[in-house]
Every structure is written in C-alpha cells, then in structure tokens.
C-alpha cells in the first residue's frame, strides 16, 4: 500500500494496481485480502482416470445439482 501524490492511495498486487481515495479504504481492502488468503481452502479431489484425449485428469470435474 502506498500513497500517490494528490491522487489517493494504491494497493499493488503484482502488476495490478488498485486505487483508493483514502488510506482507510486501502487498509480495509488489504485486511480483507489477508483474511481471504488466510481462510481455509479445500483442495481439489484427485482422480486417476484418463480423459477422452488420453491425458490423465488432475482434478475431478465439479458436479452441479439440477
């Protein structure tokens, strides 16, 4: 997070720059990102069946309830 002269604040995410009008807004954005990154994330289920193109699938396809 850094201040840009007379233009507000920016949060840099690699090559992406997200502008904010205040330090407080930028700080809240950073805090939210940190919470989301720290949250538990389920790993995809592994399967060992070849696909129709002969390559082995790495993850199981998501099945949506109809």
N, C-alpha and C. Protein backbone atom coordinates (compact mmCIF):
# COMPACT_ATOMS: atom_id res chain seq x y z
N UNK A 1 0.86 -1.16 0.00
CA UNK A 1 0.00 0.00 0.00
C UNK A 1 0.91 1.22 0.00
N UNK A 2 0.62 2.16 -0.90
CA UNK A 2 1.43 3.38 -0.94
C UNK A 2 0.58 4.57 -1.33
N UNK A 3 1.05 5.74 -0.94
CA UNK A 3 0.34 6.98 -1.26
C UNK A 3 0.83 7.50 -2.60
N UNK A 4 -0.12 7.98 -3.40
CA UNK A 4 0.20 8.58 -4.69
C UNK A 4 -0.11 10.06 -4.54
N UNK A 5 0.87 10.90 -4.77
CA UNK A 5 0.74 12.35 -4.54
C UNK A 5 -0.56 12.90 -5.14
N UNK A 6 -1.38 13.49 -4.27
CA UNK A 6 -2.62 14.17 -4.65
C UNK A 6 -3.62 13.28 -5.38
N UNK A 7 -3.42 11.99 -5.39
CA UNK A 7 -4.34 11.11 -6.11
C UNK A 7 -4.92 10.03 -5.20
N UNK A 8 -4.52 9.99 -3.95
CA UNK A 8 -5.03 8.98 -3.04
C UNK A 8 -4.02 7.90 -2.76
N UNK A 9 -4.51 6.69 -2.59
CA UNK A 9 -3.68 5.56 -2.21
C UNK A 9 -3.86 4.43 -3.21
N UNK A 10 -2.83 3.59 -3.35
CA UNK A 10 -2.93 2.43 -4.22
C UNK A 10 -2.44 1.19 -3.49
N UNK A 11 -3.03 0.07 -3.85
CA UNK A 11 -2.58 -1.24 -3.37
C UNK A 11 -2.09 -1.98 -4.60
N UNK A 12 -0.85 -2.45 -4.55
CA UNK A 12 -0.26 -3.16 -5.68
C UNK A 12 -0.32 -4.66 -5.44
N UNK A 13 -0.85 -5.36 -6.42
CA UNK A 13 -0.94 -6.82 -6.38
C UNK A 13 -0.19 -7.34 -7.60
N UNK A 14 1.11 -7.50 -7.47
CA UNK A 14 1.91 -7.86 -8.63
C UNK A 14 1.90 -6.70 -9.60
N UNK A 15 1.42 -6.94 -10.82
CA UNK A 15 1.34 -5.87 -11.82
C UNK A 15 0.03 -5.10 -11.76
N UNK A 16 -0.90 -5.56 -10.95
CA UNK A 16 -2.21 -4.91 -10.82
C UNK A 16 -2.14 -3.81 -9.76
N UNK A 17 -2.68 -2.64 -10.10
CA UNK A 17 -2.71 -1.52 -9.17
C UNK A 17 -4.17 -1.16 -8.92
N UNK A 18 -4.58 -1.18 -7.64
CA UNK A 18 -5.96 -0.87 -7.27
C UNK A 18 -5.97 0.46 -6.52
N UNK A 19 -6.62 1.49 -7.10
CA UNK A 19 -6.61 2.82 -6.47
C UNK A 19 -7.71 2.98 -5.41
N UNK A 20 -7.43 3.81 -4.39
CA UNK A 20 -8.39 4.14 -3.34
C UNK A 20 -8.26 5.61 -3.02
N UNK A 21 -9.36 6.21 -2.57
CA UNK A 21 -9.33 7.65 -2.27
C UNK A 21 -8.79 7.95 -0.88
N UNK A 22 -8.74 6.93 -0.01
CA UNK A 22 -8.24 7.18 1.34
C UNK A 22 -7.38 6.02 1.84
N UNK A 23 -6.57 6.34 2.82
CA UNK A 23 -5.73 5.32 3.46
C UNK A 23 -6.61 4.27 4.14
N UNK A 24 -7.71 4.71 4.73
CA UNK A 24 -8.62 3.78 5.43
C UNK A 24 -9.22 2.77 4.45
N UNK A 25 -9.67 3.21 3.28
CA UNK A 25 -10.24 2.29 2.29
C UNK A 25 -9.20 1.29 1.81
N UNK A 26 -7.99 1.78 1.55
CA UNK A 26 -6.92 0.89 1.10
C UNK A 26 -6.59 -0.13 2.19
N UNK A 27 -6.53 0.31 3.44
CA UNK A 27 -6.24 -0.59 4.55
C UNK A 27 -7.30 -1.66 4.73
N UNK A 28 -8.58 -1.27 4.56
CA UNK A 28 -9.66 -2.24 4.67
C UNK A 28 -9.58 -3.29 3.56
N UNK A 29 -9.20 -2.84 2.36
CA UNK A 29 -9.04 -3.76 1.23
C UNK A 29 -7.93 -4.77 1.51
N UNK A 30 -6.80 -4.28 2.00
CA UNK A 30 -5.66 -5.15 2.32
C UNK A 30 -6.05 -6.14 3.42
N UNK A 31 -6.74 -5.65 4.43
CA UNK A 31 -7.17 -6.54 5.53
C UNK A 31 -8.10 -7.63 5.01
N UNK A 32 -9.03 -7.27 4.13
CA UNK A 32 -9.96 -8.26 3.56
C UNK A 32 -9.21 -9.29 2.74
N UNK A 33 -8.24 -8.85 1.94
CA UNK A 33 -7.44 -9.78 1.15
C UNK A 33 -6.68 -10.76 2.05
N UNK A 34 -6.09 -10.24 3.12
CA UNK A 34 -5.35 -11.10 4.04
C UNK A 34 -6.26 -12.12 4.70
N UNK A 35 -7.48 -11.71 5.06
CA UNK A 35 -8.44 -12.65 5.65
C UNK A 35 -8.79 -13.75 4.66
N UNK A 36 -9.01 -13.37 3.41
CA UNK A 36 -9.38 -14.37 2.40
C UNK A 36 -8.23 -15.32 2.10
N UNK A 37 -7.02 -14.80 2.06
CA UNK A 37 -5.87 -15.66 1.81
C UNK A 37 -5.61 -16.61 2.96
N UNK A 38 -5.91 -16.16 4.17
CA UNK A 38 -5.69 -16.99 5.37
C UNK A 38 -6.82 -17.99 5.61
N UNK A 39 -7.94 -17.81 4.96
CA UNK A 39 -9.08 -18.69 5.16
C UNK A 39 -8.77 -20.09 4.63
N UNK A 40 -9.38 -21.12 5.22
CA UNK A 40 -9.16 -22.48 4.72
C UNK A 40 -9.73 -22.64 3.32
N UNK A 41 -9.00 -23.32 2.48
CA UNK A 41 -9.43 -23.59 1.11
C UNK A 41 -9.38 -25.09 0.87
N UNK A 42 -10.49 -25.67 0.38
CA UNK A 42 -10.48 -27.11 0.09
C UNK A 42 -9.62 -27.40 -1.14
N UNK A 43 -8.89 -28.48 -1.08
CA UNK A 43 -8.08 -28.90 -2.22
C UNK A 43 -8.96 -29.70 -3.17
N UNK A 44 -8.70 -29.61 -4.48
CA UNK A 44 -9.49 -30.40 -5.43
C UNK A 44 -9.28 -31.90 -5.20
N UNK A 45 -10.30 -32.69 -5.51
CA UNK A 45 -10.19 -34.14 -5.39
C UNK A 45 -9.37 -34.69 -6.55
N UNK A 46 -8.44 -35.57 -6.26
CA UNK A 46 -7.64 -36.17 -7.32
C UNK A 46 -8.33 -37.40 -7.87
N UNK A 47 -8.23 -37.61 -9.17
CA UNK A 47 -8.77 -38.80 -9.80
C UNK A 47 -7.67 -39.40 -10.68
N UNK A 48 -7.73 -40.68 -10.89
CA UNK A 48 -6.68 -41.34 -11.66
C UNK A 48 -7.24 -42.00 -12.92
N UNK A 49 -8.21 -41.34 -13.55
CA UNK A 49 -8.79 -41.90 -14.77
C UNK A 49 -8.40 -41.06 -15.97
N UNK A 50 -8.01 -41.70 -17.07
CA UNK A 50 -7.64 -40.92 -18.25
C UNK A 50 -8.86 -40.24 -18.87
N UNK A 51 -8.66 -39.07 -19.44
CA UNK A 51 -9.75 -38.36 -20.11
C UNK A 51 -9.87 -38.87 -21.54
N UNK A 52 -10.85 -38.35 -22.27
CA UNK A 52 -11.09 -38.82 -23.63
C UNK A 52 -9.91 -38.53 -24.58
N UNK A 53 -9.08 -37.56 -24.23
CA UNK A 53 -7.94 -37.26 -25.10
C UNK A 53 -6.68 -38.04 -24.69
N UNK A 54 -6.82 -38.97 -23.75
CA UNK A 54 -5.71 -39.82 -23.35
C UNK A 54 -4.86 -39.27 -22.21
N UNK A 55 -5.10 -38.03 -21.79
CA UNK A 55 -4.35 -37.44 -20.68
C UNK A 55 -5.04 -37.77 -19.36
N UNK A 56 -4.25 -37.93 -18.33
CA UNK A 56 -4.81 -38.22 -17.02
C UNK A 56 -5.33 -36.93 -16.40
N UNK A 57 -6.56 -36.98 -15.90
CA UNK A 57 -7.16 -35.81 -15.28
C UNK A 57 -6.47 -35.51 -13.95
N UNK A 58 -6.33 -34.24 -13.64
CA UNK A 58 -5.69 -33.84 -12.39
C UNK A 58 -6.73 -33.63 -11.30
N UNK A 59 -7.86 -33.07 -11.66
CA UNK A 59 -8.92 -32.83 -10.67
C UNK A 59 -10.23 -33.39 -11.16
N UNK A 60 -11.10 -33.64 -10.23
CA UNK A 60 -12.44 -34.13 -10.54
C UNK A 60 -13.30 -32.96 -11.02
N UNK A 61 -14.10 -33.18 -12.05
CA UNK A 61 -14.99 -32.13 -12.54
C UNK A 61 -16.05 -31.83 -11.47
N UNK A 62 -16.41 -30.57 -11.37
CA UNK A 62 -17.46 -30.17 -10.43
C UNK A 62 -18.80 -30.65 -10.97
N UNK A 63 -19.61 -31.17 -10.09
CA UNK A 63 -20.94 -31.63 -10.47
C UNK A 63 -21.95 -30.68 -9.84
N UNK A 64 -22.79 -30.10 -10.66
CA UNK A 64 -23.78 -29.14 -10.19
C UNK A 64 -25.14 -29.82 -10.04
N UNK A 65 -25.78 -29.54 -8.93
CA UNK A 65 -27.12 -30.08 -8.70
C UNK A 65 -28.11 -29.36 -9.60
N UNK A 66 -29.00 -30.12 -10.20
CA UNK A 66 -30.00 -29.51 -11.09
C UNK A 66 -31.32 -29.37 -10.39
